Amino acid sequence: DRAWTNARLATMCGDGADRLGLIDNGVI
């Protein structure tokens, strides 16, 4: 029912060297 586009995401569910789970061009 809702979407957020053209966003950069810090998902916080990464691991290893990128635990912030960064996504440069993301959608929720």
mmCIF file of all heavy atoms, coordinates in Angstrom:
data_MODEL
# 
_entry.id   MODEL 
# 
loop_
_atom_site.group_PDB 
_atom_site.id 
_atom_site.type_symbol 
_atom_site.label_atom_id 
_atom_site.label_alt_id 
_atom_site.label_comp_id 
_atom_site.label_asym_id 
_atom_site.label_entity_id 
_atom_site.label_seq_id 
_atom_site.pdbx_PDB_ins_code 
_atom_site.Cartn_x 
_atom_site.Cartn_y 
_atom_site.Cartn_z 
_atom_site.occupancy 
_atom_site.B_iso_or_equiv 
_atom_site.pdbx_formal_charge 
_atom_site.auth_seq_id 
_atom_site.auth_comp_id 
_atom_site.auth_asym_id 
_atom_site.auth_atom_id 
_atom_site.pdbx_PDB_model_num 
ATOM 1   N N   . ASP A 1 1  ? 0.803  -1.217  0.000  1.00 0.00 ? 1  ASP A N   1 
ATOM 2   C CA  . ASP A 1 1  ? 0.000  0.000   0.000  1.00 0.00 ? 1  ASP A CA  1 
ATOM 3   C C   . ASP A 1 1  ? 0.841  1.275   0.000  1.00 0.00 ? 1  ASP A C   1 
ATOM 4   O O   . ASP A 1 1  ? 0.351  2.345   -0.353 1.00 0.00 ? 1  ASP A O   1 
ATOM 5   C CB  . ASP A 1 1  ? -1.002 0.016   1.172  1.00 0.00 ? 1  ASP A CB  1 
ATOM 6   C CG  . ASP A 1 1  ? -0.384 -0.349  2.502  1.00 0.00 ? 1  ASP A CG  1 
ATOM 7   O OD1 . ASP A 1 1  ? 0.827  -0.109  2.680  1.00 0.00 ? 1  ASP A OD1 1 
ATOM 8   O OD2 . ASP A 1 1  ? -1.107 -0.876  3.372  1.00 0.00 ? 1  ASP A OD2 1 
ATOM 9   N N   . ARG A 1 2  ? 2.121  1.168   0.391  1.00 0.00 ? 2  ARG A N   1 
ATOM 10  C CA  . ARG A 1 2  ? 3.016  2.329   0.365  1.00 0.00 ? 2  ARG A CA  1 
ATOM 11  C C   . ARG A 1 2  ? 4.410  1.892   -0.053 1.00 0.00 ? 2  ARG A C   1 
ATOM 12  O O   . ARG A 1 2  ? 4.847  0.789   0.268  1.00 0.00 ? 2  ARG A O   1 
ATOM 13  C CB  . ARG A 1 2  ? 3.072  3.019   1.730  1.00 0.00 ? 2  ARG A CB  1 
ATOM 14  C CG  . ARG A 1 2  ? 1.806  3.799   2.061  1.00 0.00 ? 2  ARG A CG  1 
ATOM 15  C CD  . ARG A 1 2  ? 1.862  4.393   3.455  1.00 0.00 ? 2  ARG A CD  1 
ATOM 16  N NE  . ARG A 1 2  ? 0.677  5.186   3.713  1.00 0.00 ? 2  ARG A NE  1 
ATOM 17  C CZ  . ARG A 1 2  ? -0.492 4.673   4.071  1.00 0.00 ? 2  ARG A CZ  1 
ATOM 18  N NH1 . ARG A 1 2  ? -0.615 3.375   4.235  1.00 0.00 ? 2  ARG A NH1 1 
ATOM 19  N NH2 . ARG A 1 2  ? -1.534 5.466   4.267  1.00 0.00 ? 2  ARG A NH2 1 
ATOM 20  N N   . ALA A 1 3  ? 5.089  2.810   -0.741 1.00 0.00 ? 3  ALA A N   1 
ATOM 21  C CA  . ALA A 1 3  ? 6.470  2.535   -1.149 1.00 0.00 ? 3  ALA A CA  1 
ATOM 22  C C   . ALA A 1 3  ? 7.286  3.814   -1.049 1.00 0.00 ? 3  ALA A C   1 
ATOM 23  O O   . ALA A 1 3  ? 6.781  4.916   -1.294 1.00 0.00 ? 3  ALA A O   1 
ATOM 24  C CB  . ALA A 1 3  ? 6.516  1.983   -2.567 1.00 0.00 ? 3  ALA A CB  1 
ATOM 25  N N   . TRP A 1 4  ? 8.543  3.651   -0.654 1.00 0.00 ? 4  TRP A N   1 
ATOM 26  C CA  . TRP A 1 4  ? 9.489  4.761   -0.575 1.00 0.00 ? 4  TRP A CA  1 
ATOM 27  C C   . TRP A 1 4  ? 10.604 4.469   -1.562 1.00 0.00 ? 4  TRP A C   1 
ATOM 28  O O   . TRP A 1 4  ? 11.310 3.457   -1.431 1.00 0.00 ? 4  TRP A O   1 
ATOM 29  C CB  . TRP A 1 4  ? 10.029 4.895   0.848  1.00 0.00 ? 4  TRP A CB  1 
ATOM 30  C CG  . TRP A 1 4  ? 8.979  5.354   1.821  1.00 0.00 ? 4  TRP A CG  1 
ATOM 31  C CD1 . TRP A 1 4  ? 8.735  6.627   2.244  1.00 0.00 ? 4  TRP A CD1 1 
ATOM 32  C CD2 . TRP A 1 4  ? 8.007  4.534   2.483  1.00 0.00 ? 4  TRP A CD2 1 
ATOM 33  N NE1 . TRP A 1 4  ? 7.680  6.662   3.117  1.00 0.00 ? 4  TRP A NE1 1 
ATOM 34  C CE2 . TRP A 1 4  ? 7.204  5.389   3.284  1.00 0.00 ? 4  TRP A CE2 1 
ATOM 35  C CE3 . TRP A 1 4  ? 7.724  3.160   2.479  1.00 0.00 ? 4  TRP A CE3 1 
ATOM 36  C CZ2 . TRP A 1 4  ? 6.163  4.915   4.071  1.00 0.00 ? 4  TRP A CZ2 1 
ATOM 37  C CZ3 . TRP A 1 4  ? 6.678  2.686   3.244  1.00 0.00 ? 4  TRP A CZ3 1 
ATOM 38  C CH2 . TRP A 1 4  ? 5.903  3.555   4.035  1.00 0.00 ? 4  TRP A CH2 1 
ATOM 39  N N   . THR A 1 5  ? 10.732 5.324   -2.559 1.00 0.00 ? 5  THR A N   1 
ATOM 40  C CA  . THR A 1 5  ? 11.674 5.089   -3.648 1.00 0.00 ? 5  THR A CA  1 
ATOM 41  C C   . THR A 1 5  ? 12.756 6.163   -3.658 1.00 0.00 ? 5  THR A C   1 
ATOM 42  O O   . THR A 1 5  ? 12.691 7.149   -2.925 1.00 0.00 ? 5  THR A O   1 
ATOM 43  C CB  . THR A 1 5  ? 10.941 5.095   -4.996 1.00 0.00 ? 5  THR A CB  1 
ATOM 44  O OG1 . THR A 1 5  ? 10.372 6.403   -5.214 1.00 0.00 ? 5  THR A OG1 1 
ATOM 45  C CG2 . THR A 1 5  ? 9.819  4.059   -5.021 1.00 0.00 ? 5  THR A CG2 1 
ATOM 46  N N   . ASN A 1 6  ? 13.753 5.941   -4.548 1.00 0.00 ? 6  ASN A N   1 
ATOM 47  C CA  . ASN A 1 6  ? 14.841 6.905   -4.697 1.00 0.00 ? 6  ASN A CA  1 
ATOM 48  C C   . ASN A 1 6  ? 15.469 7.218   -3.334 1.00 0.00 ? 6  ASN A C   1 
ATOM 49  O O   . ASN A 1 6  ? 15.686 8.375   -2.960 1.00 0.00 ? 6  ASN A O   1 
ATOM 50  C CB  . ASN A 1 6  ? 14.341 8.192   -5.369 1.00 0.00 ? 6  ASN A CB  1 
ATOM 51  C CG  . ASN A 1 6  ? 15.479 9.107   -5.807 1.00 0.00 ? 6  ASN A CG  1 
ATOM 52  O OD1 . ASN A 1 6  ? 16.639 8.679   -5.902 1.00 0.00 ? 6  ASN A OD1 1 
ATOM 53  N ND2 . ASN A 1 6  ? 15.151 10.375  -6.042 1.00 0.00 ? 6  ASN A ND2 1 
ATOM 54  N N   . ALA A 1 7  ? 15.747 6.168   -2.596 1.00 0.00 ? 7  ALA A N   1 
ATOM 55  C CA  . ALA A 1 7  ? 16.286 6.305   -1.244 1.00 0.00 ? 7  ALA A CA  1 
ATOM 56  C C   . ALA A 1 7  ? 17.589 5.540   -1.116 1.00 0.00 ? 7  ALA A C   1 
ATOM 57  O O   . ALA A 1 7  ? 17.851 4.582   -1.852 1.00 0.00 ? 7  ALA A O   1 
ATOM 58  C CB  . ALA A 1 7  ? 15.280 5.780   -0.222 1.00 0.00 ? 7  ALA A CB  1 
ATOM 59  N N   . ARG A 1 8  ? 18.400 5.962   -0.176 1.00 0.00 ? 8  ARG A N   1 
ATOM 60  C CA  . ARG A 1 8  ? 19.574 5.201   0.229  1.00 0.00 ? 8  ARG A CA  1 
ATOM 61  C C   . ARG A 1 8  ? 19.256 4.576   1.585  1.00 0.00 ? 8  ARG A C   1 
ATOM 62  O O   . ARG A 1 8  ? 18.737 5.252   2.479  1.00 0.00 ? 8  ARG A O   1 
ATOM 63  C CB  . ARG A 1 8  ? 20.809 6.116   0.307  1.00 0.00 ? 8  ARG A CB  1 
ATOM 64  C CG  . ARG A 1 8  ? 21.264 6.576   -1.075 1.00 0.00 ? 8  ARG A CG  1 
ATOM 65  C CD  . ARG A 1 8  ? 22.453 7.520   -0.997 1.00 0.00 ? 8  ARG A CD  1 
ATOM 66  N NE  . ARG A 1 8  ? 22.040 8.860   -0.607 1.00 0.00 ? 8  ARG A NE  1 
ATOM 67  C CZ  . ARG A 1 8  ? 22.890 9.886   -0.452 1.00 0.00 ? 8  ARG A CZ  1 
ATOM 68  N NH1 . ARG A 1 8  ? 24.192 9.701   -0.634 1.00 0.00 ? 8  ARG A NH1 1 
ATOM 69  N NH2 . ARG A 1 8  ? 22.450 11.074  -0.110 1.00 0.00 ? 8  ARG A NH2 1 
ATOM 70  N N   . LEU A 1 9  ? 19.537 3.304   1.718  1.00 0.00 ? 9  LEU A N   1 
ATOM 71  C CA  . LEU A 1 9  ? 19.101 2.552   2.898  1.00 0.00 ? 9  LEU A CA  1 
ATOM 72  C C   . LEU A 1 9  ? 20.275 2.144   3.768  1.00 0.00 ? 9  LEU A C   1 
ATOM 73  O O   . LEU A 1 9  ? 21.317 1.715   3.271  1.00 0.00 ? 9  LEU A O   1 
ATOM 74  C CB  . LEU A 1 9  ? 18.351 1.284   2.477  1.00 0.00 ? 9  LEU A CB  1 
ATOM 75  C CG  . LEU A 1 9  ? 17.214 1.420   1.463  1.00 0.00 ? 9  LEU A CG  1 
ATOM 76  C CD1 . LEU A 1 9  ? 16.563 0.053   1.238  1.00 0.00 ? 9  LEU A CD1 1 
ATOM 77  C CD2 . LEU A 1 9  ? 16.185 2.447   1.896  1.00 0.00 ? 9  LEU A CD2 1 
ATOM 78  N N   . ALA A 1 10 ? 20.078 2.279   5.063  1.00 0.00 ? 10 ALA A N   1 
ATOM 79  C CA  . ALA A 1 10 ? 20.949 1.653   6.054  1.00 0.00 ? 10 ALA A CA  1 
ATOM 80  C C   . ALA A 1 10 ? 20.074 0.634   6.768  1.00 0.00 ? 10 ALA A C   1 
ATOM 81  O O   . ALA A 1 10 ? 19.371 0.954   7.731  1.00 0.00 ? 10 ALA A O   1 
ATOM 82  C CB  . ALA A 1 10 ? 21.517 2.680   7.030  1.00 0.00 ? 10 ALA A CB  1 
ATOM 83  N N   . THR A 1 11 ? 20.066 -0.592  6.268  1.00 0.00 ? 11 THR A N   1 
ATOM 84  C CA  . THR A 1 11 ? 19.100 -1.590  6.725  1.00 0.00 ? 11 THR A CA  1 
ATOM 85  C C   . THR A 1 11 ? 19.416 -2.130  8.113  1.00 0.00 ? 11 THR A C   1 
ATOM 86  O O   . THR A 1 11 ? 18.552 -2.668  8.787  1.00 0.00 ? 11 THR A O   1 
ATOM 87  C CB  . THR A 1 11 ? 19.044 -2.777  5.752  1.00 0.00 ? 11 THR A CB  1 
ATOM 88  O OG1 . THR A 1 11 ? 20.304 -3.459  5.764  1.00 0.00 ? 11 THR A OG1 1 
ATOM 89  C CG2 . THR A 1 11 ? 18.712 -2.308  4.332  1.00 0.00 ? 11 THR A CG2 1 
ATOM 90  N N   . MET A 1 12 ? 20.660 -2.021  8.541  1.00 0.00 ? 12 MET A N   1 
ATOM 91  C CA  . MET A 1 12 ? 21.148 -2.525  9.836  1.00 0.00 ? 12 MET A CA  1 
ATOM 92  C C   . MET A 1 12 ? 21.126 -4.049  9.920  1.00 0.00 ? 12 MET A C   1 
ATOM 93  O O   . MET A 1 12 ? 21.272 -4.607  11.009 1.00 0.00 ? 12 MET A O   1 
ATOM 94  C CB  . MET A 1 12 ? 20.365 -1.924  11.015 1.00 0.00 ? 12 MET A CB  1 
ATOM 95  C CG  . MET A 1 12 ? 20.319 -0.419  11.032 1.00 0.00 ? 12 MET A CG  1 
ATOM 96  S SD  . MET A 1 12 ? 21.962 0.329   11.182 1.00 0.00 ? 12 MET A SD  1 
ATOM 97  C CE  . MET A 1 12 ? 21.588 2.040   10.789 1.00 0.00 ? 12 MET A CE  1 
ATOM 98  N N   . CYS A 1 13 ? 20.962 -4.713  8.784  1.00 0.00 ? 13 CYS A N   1 
ATOM 99  C CA  . CYS A 1 13 ? 20.932 -6.178  8.832  1.00 0.00 ? 13 CYS A CA  1 
ATOM 100 C C   . CYS A 1 13 ? 22.052 -6.788  7.991  1.00 0.00 ? 13 CYS A C   1 
ATOM 101 O O   . CYS A 1 13 ? 21.941 -7.919  7.516  1.00 0.00 ? 13 CYS A O   1 
ATOM 102 C CB  . CYS A 1 13 ? 19.570 -6.717  8.405  1.00 0.00 ? 13 CYS A CB  1 
ATOM 103 S SG  . CYS A 1 13 ? 18.945 -6.149  6.832  1.00 0.00 ? 13 CYS A SG  1 
ATOM 104 N N   . GLY A 1 14 ? 23.142 -6.036  7.824  1.00 0.00 ? 14 GLY A N   1 
ATOM 105 C CA  . GLY A 1 14 ? 24.288 -6.583  7.131  1.00 0.00 ? 14 GLY A CA  1 
ATOM 106 C C   . GLY A 1 14 ? 25.164 -7.384  8.076  1.00 0.00 ? 14 GLY A C   1 
ATOM 107 O O   . GLY A 1 14 ? 24.855 -7.578  9.258  1.00 0.00 ? 14 GLY A O   1 
ATOM 108 N N   . ASP A 1 15 ? 26.277 -7.854  7.572  1.00 0.00 ? 15 ASP A N   1 
ATOM 109 C CA  . ASP A 1 15 ? 27.236 -8.573  8.409  1.00 0.00 ? 15 ASP A CA  1 
ATOM 110 C C   . ASP A 1 15 ? 28.636 -8.321  7.859  1.00 0.00 ? 15 ASP A C   1 
ATOM 111 O O   . ASP A 1 15 ? 28.824 -7.617  6.870  1.00 0.00 ? 15 ASP A O   1 
ATOM 112 C CB  . ASP A 1 15 ? 26.933 -10.072 8.475  1.00 0.00 ? 15 ASP A CB  1 
ATOM 113 C CG  . ASP A 1 15 ? 26.801 -10.708 7.095  1.00 0.00 ? 15 ASP A CG  1 
ATOM 114 O OD1 . ASP A 1 15 ? 27.387 -10.166 6.127  1.00 0.00 ? 15 ASP A OD1 1 
ATOM 115 O OD2 . ASP A 1 15 ? 26.124 -11.743 6.986  1.00 0.00 ? 15 ASP A OD2 1 
ATOM 116 N N   . GLY A 1 16 ? 29.627 -8.881  8.530  1.00 0.00 ? 16 GLY A N   1 
ATOM 117 C CA  . GLY A 1 16 ? 31.001 -8.722  8.074  1.00 0.00 ? 16 GLY A CA  1 
ATOM 118 C C   . GLY A 1 16 ? 31.436 -7.273  8.075  1.00 0.00 ? 16 GLY A C   1 
ATOM 119 O O   . GLY A 1 16 ? 31.266 -6.551  9.066  1.00 0.00 ? 16 GLY A O   1 
ATOM 120 N N   . ALA A 1 17 ? 31.973 -6.812  6.950  1.00 0.00 ? 17 ALA A N   1 
ATOM 121 C CA  . ALA A 1 17 ? 32.497 -5.449  6.858  1.00 0.00 ? 17 ALA A CA  1 
ATOM 122 C C   . ALA A 1 17 ? 31.408 -4.408  6.685  1.00 0.00 ? 17 ALA A C   1 
ATOM 123 O O   . ALA A 1 17 ? 31.669 -3.209  6.768  1.00 0.00 ? 17 ALA A O   1 
ATOM 124 C CB  . ALA A 1 17 ? 33.486 -5.357  5.691  1.00 0.00 ? 17 ALA A CB  1 
ATOM 125 N N   . ASP A 1 18 ? 30.180 -4.829  6.429  1.00 0.00 ? 18 ASP A N   1 
ATOM 126 C CA  . ASP A 1 18 ? 29.077 -3.885  6.210  1.00 0.00 ? 18 ASP A CA  1 
ATOM 127 C C   . ASP A 1 18 ? 27.885 -4.266  7.077  1.00 0.00 ? 18 ASP A C   1 
ATOM 128 O O   . ASP A 1 18 ? 26.848 -4.694  6.595  1.00 0.00 ? 18 ASP A O   1 
ATOM 129 C CB  . ASP A 1 18 ? 28.679 -3.853  4.732  1.00 0.00 ? 18 ASP A CB  1 
ATOM 130 C CG  . ASP A 1 18 ? 27.502 -2.910  4.470  1.00 0.00 ? 18 ASP A CG  1 
ATOM 131 O OD1 . ASP A 1 18 ? 27.320 -1.963  5.263  1.00 0.00 ? 18 ASP A OD1 1 
ATOM 132 O OD2 . ASP A 1 18 ? 26.763 -3.145  3.494  1.00 0.00 ? 18 ASP A OD2 1 
ATOM 133 N N   . ARG A 1 19 ? 28.041 -4.119  8.382  1.00 0.00 ? 19 ARG A N   1 
ATOM 134 C CA  . ARG A 1 19 ? 26.941 -4.471  9.280  1.00 0.00 ? 19 ARG A CA  1 
ATOM 135 C C   . ARG A 1 19 ? 25.776 -3.484  9.196  1.00 0.00 ? 19 ARG A C   1 
ATOM 136 O O   . ARG A 1 19 ? 24.675 -3.795  9.636  1.00 0.00 ? 19 ARG A O   1 
ATOM 137 C CB  . ARG A 1 19 ? 27.438 -4.569  10.719 1.00 0.00 ? 19 ARG A CB  1 
ATOM 138 C CG  . ARG A 1 19 ? 28.361 -5.768  10.954 1.00 0.00 ? 19 ARG A CG  1 
ATOM 139 C CD  . ARG A 1 19 ? 28.455 -6.100  12.421 1.00 0.00 ? 19 ARG A CD  1 
ATOM 140 N NE  . ARG A 1 19 ? 29.080 -5.022  13.184 1.00 0.00 ? 19 ARG A NE  1 
ATOM 141 C CZ  . ARG A 1 19 ? 29.010 -4.906  14.510 1.00 0.00 ? 19 ARG A CZ  1 
ATOM 142 N NH1 . ARG A 1 19 ? 28.323 -5.783  15.216 1.00 0.00 ? 19 ARG A NH1 1 
ATOM 143 N NH2 . ARG A 1 19 ? 29.630 -3.919  15.128 1.00 0.00 ? 19 ARG A NH2 1 
ATOM 144 N N   . LEU A 1 20 ? 26.023 -2.299  8.628  1.00 0.00 ? 20 LEU A N   1 
ATOM 145 C CA  . LEU A 1 20 ? 24.934 -1.339  8.461  1.00 0.00 ? 20 LEU A CA  1 
ATOM 146 C C   . LEU A 1 20 ? 24.029 -1.711  7.286  1.00 0.00 ? 20 LEU A C   1 
ATOM 147 O O   . LEU A 1 20 ? 22.946 -1.152  7.148  1.00 0.00 ? 20 LEU A O   1 
ATOM 148 C CB  . LEU A 1 20 ? 25.485 0.073   8.264  1.00 0.00 ? 20 LEU A CB  1 
ATOM 149 C CG  . LEU A 1 20 ? 26.286 0.663   9.428  1.00 0.00 ? 20 LEU A CG  1 
ATOM 150 C CD1 . LEU A 1 20 ? 26.658 2.109   9.133  1.00 0.00 ? 20 LEU A CD1 1 
ATOM 151 C CD2 . LEU A 1 20 ? 25.514 0.571   10.739 1.00 0.00 ? 20 LEU A CD2 1 
ATOM 152 N N   . GLY A 1 21 ? 24.468 -2.629  6.445  1.00 0.00 ? 21 GLY A N   1 
ATOM 153 C CA  . GLY A 1 21 ? 23.636 -3.075  5.330  1.00 0.00 ? 21 GLY A CA  1 
ATOM 154 C C   . GLY A 1 21 ? 23.260 -1.948  4.388  1.00 0.00 ? 21 GLY A C   1 
ATOM 155 O O   . GLY A 1 21 ? 22.084 -1.741  4.087  1.00 0.00 ? 21 GLY A O   1 
ATOM 156 N N   . LEU A 1 22 ? 24.257 -1.217  3.887  1.00 0.00 ? 22 LEU A N   1 
ATOM 157 C CA  . LEU A 1 22 ? 24.023 -0.031  3.067  1.00 0.00 ? 22 LEU A CA  1 
ATOM 158 C C   . LEU A 1 22 ? 23.602 -0.395  1.644  1.00 0.00 ? 22 LEU A C   1 
ATOM 159 O O   . LEU A 1 22 ? 24.174 -1.284  1.020  1.00 0.00 ? 22 LEU A O   1 
ATOM 160 C CB  . LEU A 1 22 ? 25.281 0.832   3.035  1.00 0.00 ? 22 LEU A CB  1 
ATOM 161 C CG  . LEU A 1 22 ? 25.839 1.271   4.396  1.00 0.00 ? 22 LEU A CG  1 
ATOM 162 C CD1 . LEU A 1 22 ? 27.088 2.123   4.202  1.00 0.00 ? 22 LEU A CD1 1 
ATOM 163 C CD2 . LEU A 1 22 ? 24.785 2.014   5.207  1.00 0.00 ? 22 LEU A CD2 1 
ATOM 164 N N   . ILE A 1 23 ? 22.594 0.302   1.154  1.00 0.00 ? 23 ILE A N   1 
ATOM 165 C CA  . ILE A 1 23 ? 22.108 0.129   -0.216 1.00 0.00 ? 23 ILE A CA  1 
ATOM 166 C C   . ILE A 1 23 ? 21.995 1.509   -0.839 1.00 0.00 ? 23 ILE A C   1 
ATOM 167 O O   . ILE A 1 23 ? 21.265 2.368   -0.321 1.00 0.00 ? 23 ILE A O   1 
ATOM 168 C CB  . ILE A 1 23 ? 20.745 -0.597  -0.248 1.00 0.00 ? 23 ILE A CB  1 
ATOM 169 C CG1 . ILE A 1 23 ? 20.888 -2.009  0.336  1.00 0.00 ? 23 ILE A CG1 1 
ATOM 170 C CG2 . ILE A 1 23 ? 20.193 -0.643  -1.668 1.00 0.00 ? 23 ILE A CG2 1 
ATOM 171 C CD1 . ILE A 1 23 ? 19.566 -2.731  0.500  1.00 0.00 ? 23 ILE A CD1 1 
ATOM 172 N N   . ASP A 1 24 ? 22.701 1.748   -1.921 1.00 0.00 ? 24 ASP A N   1 
ATOM 173 C CA  . ASP A 1 24 ? 22.800 3.099   -2.478 1.00 0.00 ? 24 ASP A CA  1 
ATOM 174 C C   . ASP A 1 24 ? 21.510 3.554   -3.160 1.00 0.00 ? 24 ASP A C   1 
ATOM 175 O O   . ASP A 1 24 ? 21.093 4.700   -3.025 1.00 0.00 ? 24 ASP A O   1 
ATOM 176 C CB  . ASP A 1 24 ? 23.960 3.172   -3.474 1.00 0.00 ? 24 ASP A CB  1 
ATOM 177 C CG  . ASP A 1 24 ? 24.222 4.600   -3.916 1.00 0.00 ? 24 ASP A CG  1 
ATOM 178 O OD1 . ASP A 1 24 ? 24.453 5.457   -3.039 1.00 0.00 ? 24 ASP A OD1 1 
ATOM 179 O OD2 . ASP A 1 24 ? 24.196 4.870   -5.125 1.00 0.00 ? 24 ASP A OD2 1 
ATOM 180 N N   . ASN A 1 25 ? 20.877 2.693   -3.907 1.00 0.00 ? 25 ASN A N   1 
ATOM 181 C CA  . ASN A 1 25 ? 19.627 3.043   -4.590 1.00 0.00 ? 25 ASN A CA  1 
ATOM 182 C C   . ASN A 1 25 ? 18.579 2.021   -4.178 1.00 0.00 ? 25 ASN A C   1 
ATOM 183 O O   . ASN A 1 25 ? 18.468 0.954   -4.775 1.00 0.00 ? 25 ASN A O   1 
ATOM 184 C CB  . ASN A 1 25 ? 19.820 3.047   -6.109 1.00 0.00 ? 25 ASN A CB  1 
ATOM 185 C CG  . ASN A 1 25 ? 18.553 3.434   -6.860 1.00 0.00 ? 25 ASN A CG  1 
ATOM 186 O OD1 . ASN A 1 25 ? 17.618 3.985   -6.276 1.00 0.00 ? 25 ASN A OD1 1 
ATOM 187 N ND2 . ASN A 1 25 ? 18.525 3.151   -8.154 1.00 0.00 ? 25 ASN A ND2 1 
ATOM 188 N N   . GLY A 1 26 ? 17.836 2.353   -3.132 1.00 0.00 ? 26 GLY A N   1 
ATOM 189 C CA  . GLY A 1 26 ? 16.957 1.368   -2.531 1.00 0.00 ? 26 GLY A CA  1 
ATOM 190 C C   . GLY A 1 26 ? 15.486 1.745   -2.552 1.00 0.00 ? 26 GLY A C   1 
ATOM 191 O O   . GLY A 1 26 ? 15.108 2.887   -2.829 1.00 0.00 ? 26 GLY A O   1 
ATOM 192 N N   . VAL A 1 27 ? 14.689 0.743   -2.231 1.00 0.00 ? 27 VAL A N   1 
ATOM 193 C CA  . VAL A 1 27 ? 13.235 0.881   -2.161 1.00 0.00 ? 27 VAL A CA  1 
ATOM 194 C C   . VAL A 1 27 ? 12.731 0.149   -0.930 1.00 0.00 ? 27 VAL A C   1 
ATOM 195 O O   . VAL A 1 27 ? 13.243 -0.935  -0.595 1.00 0.00 ? 27 VAL A O   1 
ATOM 196 C CB  . VAL A 1 27 ? 12.563 0.290   -3.421 1.00 0.00 ? 27 VAL A CB  1 
ATOM 197 C CG1 . VAL A 1 27 ? 11.041 0.253   -3.261 1.00 0.00 ? 27 VAL A CG1 1 
ATOM 198 C CG2 . VAL A 1 27 ? 12.937 1.084   -4.657 1.00 0.00 ? 27 VAL A CG2 1 
ATOM 199 N N   . ILE A 1 28 ? 11.764 0.732   -0.266 1.00 0.00 ? 28 ILE A N   1 
ATOM 200 C CA  . ILE A 1 28 ? 11.049 0.052   0.814  1.00 0.00 ? 28 ILE A CA  1 
ATOM 201 C C   . ILE A 1 28 ? 9.572  0.064   0.473  1.00 0.00 ? 28 ILE A C   1 
ATOM 202 O O   . ILE A 1 28 ? 9.034  1.088   0.037  1.00 0.00 ? 28 ILE A O   1 
ATOM 203 C CB  . ILE A 1 28 ? 11.280 0.750   2.173  1.00 0.00 ? 28 ILE A CB  1 
ATOM 204 C CG1 . ILE A 1 28 ? 12.746 0.667   2.576  1.00 0.00 ? 28 ILE A CG1 1 
ATOM 205 C CG2 . ILE A 1 28 ? 10.398 0.119   3.260  1.00 0.00 ? 28 ILE A CG2 1 
ATOM 206 C CD1 . ILE A 1 28 ? 13.069 1.430   3.843  1.00 0.00 ? 28 ILE A CD1 1 
# 
